[in-house]
Amino acid sequence: MSANCPECDAEITLTKPMRGEIIVCPDCGVELEVTNENPLALELAPQEEEDWGE
């Protein structure tokens, strides 16, 4: 299964995608989250918030 990176439009192929899986685009290096398995859909992974102990 393949989908395009939403950041750089590179084609990314995954053999066994799992919803919620975080992958890295081999072209631009951005972290992507698998949001759907069939058809394969990728979105930018949510950035983790820093915890400053507040």
PDB file of N, CA and C in Angstrom:
ATOM      1  N   MET A   1       0.836  -1.173   0.000  1.00  0.00           N
ATOM      2  CA  MET A   1       0.000   0.000   0.000  1.00  0.00           C
ATOM      3  C   MET A   1       0.880   1.235   0.000  1.00  0.00           C
ATOM      4  N   SER A   2       0.431   2.255  -0.695  1.00  0.00           N
ATOM      5  CA  SER A   2       1.232   3.479  -0.732  1.00  0.00           C
ATOM      6  C   SER A   2       0.343   4.706  -0.606  1.00  0.00           C
ATOM      7  N   ALA A   3       0.964   5.774  -0.132  1.00  0.00           N
ATOM      8  CA  ALA A   3       0.315   7.075   0.002  1.00  0.00           C
ATOM      9  C   ALA A   3       1.404   8.125  -0.157  1.00  0.00           C
ATOM     10  N   ASN A   4       0.988   9.365  -0.323  1.00  0.00           N
ATOM     11  CA  ASN A   4       1.954  10.445  -0.482  1.00  0.00           C
ATOM     12  C   ASN A   4       2.138  11.202   0.824  1.00  0.00           C
ATOM     13  N   CYS A   5       3.363  11.635   1.062  1.00  0.00           N
ATOM     14  CA  CYS A   5       3.679  12.443   2.233  1.00  0.00           C
ATOM     15  C   CYS A   5       2.947  13.779   2.109  1.00  0.00           C
ATOM     16  N   PRO A   6       2.204  14.187   3.153  1.00  0.00           N
ATOM     17  CA  PRO A   6       1.492  15.460   3.082  1.00  0.00           C
ATOM     18  C   PRO A   6       2.424  16.673   3.118  1.00  0.00           C
ATOM     19  N   GLU A   7       3.692  16.465   3.477  1.00  0.00           N
ATOM     20  CA  GLU A   7       4.647  17.569   3.563  1.00  0.00           C
ATOM     21  C   GLU A   7       5.386  17.785   2.241  1.00  0.00           C
ATOM     22  N   CYS A   8       5.926  16.702   1.654  1.00  0.00           N
ATOM     23  CA  CYS A   8       6.762  16.862   0.449  1.00  0.00           C
ATOM     24  C   CYS A   8       6.221  16.113  -0.767  1.00  0.00           C
ATOM     25  N   ASP A   9       5.114  15.393  -0.606  1.00  0.00           N
ATOM     26  CA  ASP A   9       4.436  14.666  -1.682  1.00  0.00           C
ATOM     27  C   ASP A   9       5.207  13.447  -2.186  1.00  0.00           C
ATOM     28  N   ALA A  10       6.194  12.979  -1.431  1.00  0.00           N
ATOM     29  CA  ALA A  10       6.916  11.770  -1.809  1.00  0.00           C
ATOM     30  C   ALA A  10       6.006  10.563  -1.621  1.00  0.00           C
ATOM     31  N   GLU A  11       6.161   9.564  -2.480  1.00  0.00           N
ATOM     32  CA  GLU A  11       5.368   8.352  -2.346  1.00  0.00           C
ATOM     33  C   GLU A  11       5.996   7.455  -1.279  1.00  0.00           C
ATOM     34  N   ILE A  12       5.176   7.019  -0.334  1.00  0.00           N
ATOM     35  CA  ILE A  12       5.633   6.166   0.754  1.00  0.00           C
ATOM     36  C   ILE A  12       4.866   4.855   0.666  1.00  0.00           C
ATOM     37  N   THR A  13       5.596   3.741   0.670  1.00  0.00           N
ATOM     38  CA  THR A  13       4.981   2.422   0.579  1.00  0.00           C
ATOM     39  C   THR A  13       5.197   1.675   1.887  1.00  0.00           C
ATOM     40  N   LEU A  14       4.124   1.137   2.437  1.00  0.00           N
ATOM     41  CA  LEU A  14       4.182   0.342   3.657  1.00  0.00           C
ATOM     42  C   LEU A  14       3.560  -1.017   3.381  1.00  0.00           C
ATOM     43  N   THR A  15       4.183  -2.078   3.890  1.00  0.00           N
ATOM     44  CA  THR A  15       3.649  -3.414   3.647  1.00  0.00           C
ATOM     45  C   THR A  15       2.540  -3.780   4.629  1.00  0.00           C
ATOM     46  N   LYS A  16       2.722  -3.450   5.914  1.00  0.00           N
ATOM     47  CA  LYS A  16       1.703  -3.760   6.922  1.00  0.00           C
ATOM     48  C   LYS A  16       1.454  -2.537   7.794  1.00  0.00           C
ATOM     49  N   PRO A  17       0.755  -1.530   7.266  1.00  0.00           N
ATOM     50  CA  PRO A  17       0.514  -0.331   8.072  1.00  0.00           C
ATOM     51  C   PRO A  17      -0.451  -0.624   9.219  1.00  0.00           C
ATOM     52  N   MET A  18      -0.249   0.054  10.341  1.00  0.00           N
ATOM     53  CA  MET A  18      -1.135  -0.060  11.490  1.00  0.00           C
ATOM     54  C   MET A  18      -1.598   1.329  11.886  1.00  0.00           C
ATOM     55  N   ARG A  19      -2.897   1.497  12.078  1.00  0.00           N
ATOM     56  CA  ARG A  19      -3.439   2.796  12.476  1.00  0.00           C
ATOM     57  C   ARG A  19      -2.753   3.265  13.761  1.00  0.00           C
ATOM     58  N   GLY A  20      -2.328   4.518  13.777  1.00  0.00           N
ATOM     59  CA  GLY A  20      -1.640   5.075  14.935  1.00  0.00           C
ATOM     60  C   GLY A  20      -0.131   4.937  14.873  1.00  0.00           C
ATOM     61  N   GLU A  21       0.377   4.162  13.923  1.00  0.00           N
ATOM     62  CA  GLU A  21       1.823   3.973  13.768  1.00  0.00           C
ATOM     63  C   GLU A  21       2.472   5.281  13.328  1.00  0.00           C
ATOM     64  N   ILE A  22       3.636   5.566  13.883  1.00  0.00           N
ATOM     65  CA  ILE A  22       4.396   6.756  13.502  1.00  0.00           C
ATOM     66  C   ILE A  22       5.549   6.294  12.617  1.00  0.00           C
ATOM     67  N   ILE A  23       5.656   6.910  11.443  1.00  0.00           N
ATOM     68  CA  ILE A  23       6.740   6.598  10.517  1.00  0.00           C
ATOM     69  C   ILE A  23       7.457   7.892  10.157  1.00  0.00           C
ATOM     70  N   VAL A  24       8.611   7.773   9.543  1.00  0.00           N
ATOM     71  CA  VAL A  24       9.393   8.934   9.119  1.00  0.00           C
ATOM     72  C   VAL A  24       9.474   8.922   7.605  1.00  0.00           C
ATOM     73  N   CYS A  25       9.172  10.047   6.980  1.00  0.00           N
ATOM     74  CA  CYS A  25       9.269  10.159   5.526  1.00  0.00           C
ATOM     75  C   CYS A  25      10.733  10.030   5.126  1.00  0.00           C
ATOM     76  N   PRO A  26      11.046   9.108   4.208  1.00  0.00           N
ATOM     77  CA  PRO A  26      12.451   8.935   3.804  1.00  0.00           C
ATOM     78  C   PRO A  26      12.995  10.117   3.004  1.00  0.00           C
ATOM     79  N   ASP A  27      12.121  10.946   2.431  1.00  0.00           N
ATOM     80  CA  ASP A  27      12.591  12.086   1.639  1.00  0.00           C
ATOM     81  C   ASP A  27      12.821  13.339   2.479  1.00  0.00           C
ATOM     82  N   CYS A  28      11.814  13.736   3.276  1.00  0.00           N
ATOM     83  CA  CYS A  28      11.940  15.010   4.003  1.00  0.00           C
ATOM     84  C   CYS A  28      12.187  14.835   5.500  1.00  0.00           C
ATOM     85  N   GLY A  29      12.006  13.603   6.031  1.00  0.00           N
ATOM     86  CA  GLY A  29      12.319  13.340   7.432  1.00  0.00           C
ATOM     87  C   GLY A  29      11.241  13.713   8.429  1.00  0.00           C
ATOM     88  N   VAL A  30      10.074  14.167   7.952  1.00  0.00           N
ATOM     89  CA  VAL A  30       9.001  14.550   8.861  1.00  0.00           C
ATOM     90  C   VAL A  30       8.333  13.295   9.423  1.00  0.00           C
ATOM     91  N   GLU A  31       7.845  13.375  10.669  1.00  0.00           N
ATOM     92  CA  GLU A  31       7.145  12.251  11.277  1.00  0.00           C
ATOM     93  C   GLU A  31       5.692  12.257  10.824  1.00  0.00           C
ATOM     94  N   LEU A  32       5.220  11.084  10.426  1.00  0.00           N
ATOM     95  CA  LEU A  32       3.857  10.928   9.926  1.00  0.00           C
ATOM     96  C   LEU A  32       3.127   9.871  10.731  1.00  0.00           C
ATOM     97  N   GLU A  33       1.818  10.053  10.876  1.00  0.00           N
ATOM     98  CA  GLU A  33       0.986   9.075  11.561  1.00  0.00           C
ATOM     99  C   GLU A  33       0.078   8.397  10.553  1.00  0.00           C
ATOM    100  N   VAL A  34      -0.029   7.073  10.643  1.00  0.00           N
ATOM    101  CA  VAL A  34      -0.961   6.322   9.804  1.00  0.00           C
ATOM    102  C   VAL A  34      -2.360   6.547  10.387  1.00  0.00           C
ATOM    103  N   THR A  35      -3.225   7.228   9.635  1.00  0.00           N
ATOM    104  CA  THR A  35      -4.574   7.516  10.121  1.00  0.00           C
ATOM    105  C   THR A  35      -5.616   6.569   9.555  1.00  0.00           C
ATOM    106  N   ASN A  36      -5.271   5.828   8.505  1.00  0.00           N
ATOM    107  CA  ASN A  36      -6.173   4.828   7.939  1.00  0.00           C
ATOM    108  C   ASN A  36      -5.315   3.768   7.260  1.00  0.00           C
ATOM    109  N   GLU A  37      -5.758   2.524   7.349  1.00  0.00           N
ATOM    110  CA  GLU A  37      -4.964   1.431   6.792  1.00  0.00           C
ATOM    111  C   GLU A  37      -5.355   1.069   5.368  1.00  0.00           C
ATOM    112  N   ASN A  38      -6.650   1.118   5.058  1.00  0.00           N
ATOM    113  CA  ASN A  38      -7.094   0.722   3.723  1.00  0.00           C
ATOM    114  C   ASN A  38      -8.262   1.580   3.291  1.00  0.00           C
ATOM    115  N   PRO A  39      -8.066   2.568   2.437  1.00  0.00           N
ATOM    116  CA  PRO A  39      -6.795   2.919   1.777  1.00  0.00           C
ATOM    117  C   PRO A  39      -5.838   3.597   2.758  1.00  0.00           C
ATOM    118  N   LEU A  40      -4.560   3.464   2.483  1.00  0.00           N
ATOM    119  CA  LEU A  40      -3.531   4.048   3.335  1.00  0.00           C
ATOM    120  C   LEU A  40      -3.655   5.561   3.340  1.00  0.00           C
ATOM    121  N   ALA A  41      -3.692   6.157   4.542  1.00  0.00           N
ATOM    122  CA  ALA A  41      -3.752   7.612   4.686  1.00  0.00           C
ATOM    123  C   ALA A  41      -2.720   8.033   5.729  1.00  0.00           C
ATOM    124  N   LEU A  42      -1.968   9.077   5.411  1.00  0.00           N
ATOM    125  CA  LEU A  42      -0.931   9.595   6.299  1.00  0.00           C
ATOM    126  C   LEU A  42      -1.203  11.054   6.608  1.00  0.00           C
ATOM    127  N   GLU A  43      -0.952  11.450   7.856  1.00  0.00           N
ATOM    128  CA  GLU A  43      -1.048  12.849   8.259  1.00  0.00           C
ATOM    129  C   GLU A  43       0.167  13.179   9.098  1.00  0.00           C
ATOM    130  N   LEU A  44       0.463  14.469   9.224  1.00  0.00           N
ATOM    131  CA  LEU A  44       1.576  14.881  10.065  1.00  0.00           C
ATOM    132  C   LEU A  44       1.325  14.413  11.485  1.00  0.00           C
ATOM    133  N   ALA A  45       2.328  13.826  12.102  1.00  0.00           N
ATOM    134  CA  ALA A  45       2.185  13.325  13.472  1.00  0.00           C
ATOM    135  C   ALA A  45       2.051  14.504  14.425  1.00  0.00           C
ATOM    136  N   PRO A  46       1.195  14.371  15.435  1.00  0.00           N
ATOM    137  CA  PRO A  46       1.072  15.459  16.415  1.00  0.00           C
ATOM    138  C   PRO A  46       2.373  15.641  17.177  1.00  0.00           C
ATOM    139  N   GLN A  47       2.733  16.887  17.404  1.00  0.00           N
ATOM    140  CA  GLN A  47       3.951  17.175  18.154  1.00  0.00           C
ATOM    141  C   GLN A  47       3.674  16.998  19.639  1.00  0.00           C
ATOM    142  N   GLU A  48       4.617  16.371  20.339  1.00  0.00           N
ATOM    143  CA  GLU A  48       4.465  16.193  21.777  1.00  0.00           C
ATOM    144  C   GLU A  48       4.724  17.519  22.465  1.00  0.00           C
ATOM    145  N   GLU A  49       3.863  17.825  23.420  1.00  0.00           N
ATOM    146  CA  GLU A  49       4.033  19.051  24.205  1.00  0.00           C
ATOM    147  C   GLU A  49       5.077  18.802  25.283  1.00  0.00           C
ATOM    148  N   GLU A  50       5.905  19.806  25.537  1.00  0.00           N
ATOM    149  CA  GLU A  50       6.895  19.668  26.604  1.00  0.00           C
ATOM    150  C   GLU A  50       6.217  19.888  27.936  1.00  0.00           C
ATOM    151  N   ASP A  51       6.599  19.096  28.920  1.00  0.00           N
ATOM    152  CA  ASP A  51       6.062  19.234  30.249  1.00  0.00           C
ATOM    153  C   ASP A  51       7.102  19.955  31.112  1.00  0.00           C
ATOM    154  N   TRP A  52       6.790  21.180  31.453  1.00  0.00           N
ATOM    155  CA  TRP A  52       7.721  21.979  32.235  1.00  0.00           C
ATOM    156  C   TRP A  52       7.436  21.852  33.734  1.00  0.00           C
ATOM    157  N   GLY A  53       6.693  20.812  34.134  1.00  0.00           N
ATOM    158  CA  GLY A  53       6.410  20.593  35.542  1.00  0.00           C
ATOM    159  C   GLY A  53       5.353  21.521  36.090  1.00  0.00           C
ATOM    160  N   GLU A  54       4.507  22.040  35.217  1.00  0.00           N
ATOM    161  CA  GLU A  54       3.477  22.978  35.667  1.00  0.00           C
ATOM    162  C   GLU A  54       2.267  22.235  36.190  1.00  0.00           C
TER     163      GLU A  54
END
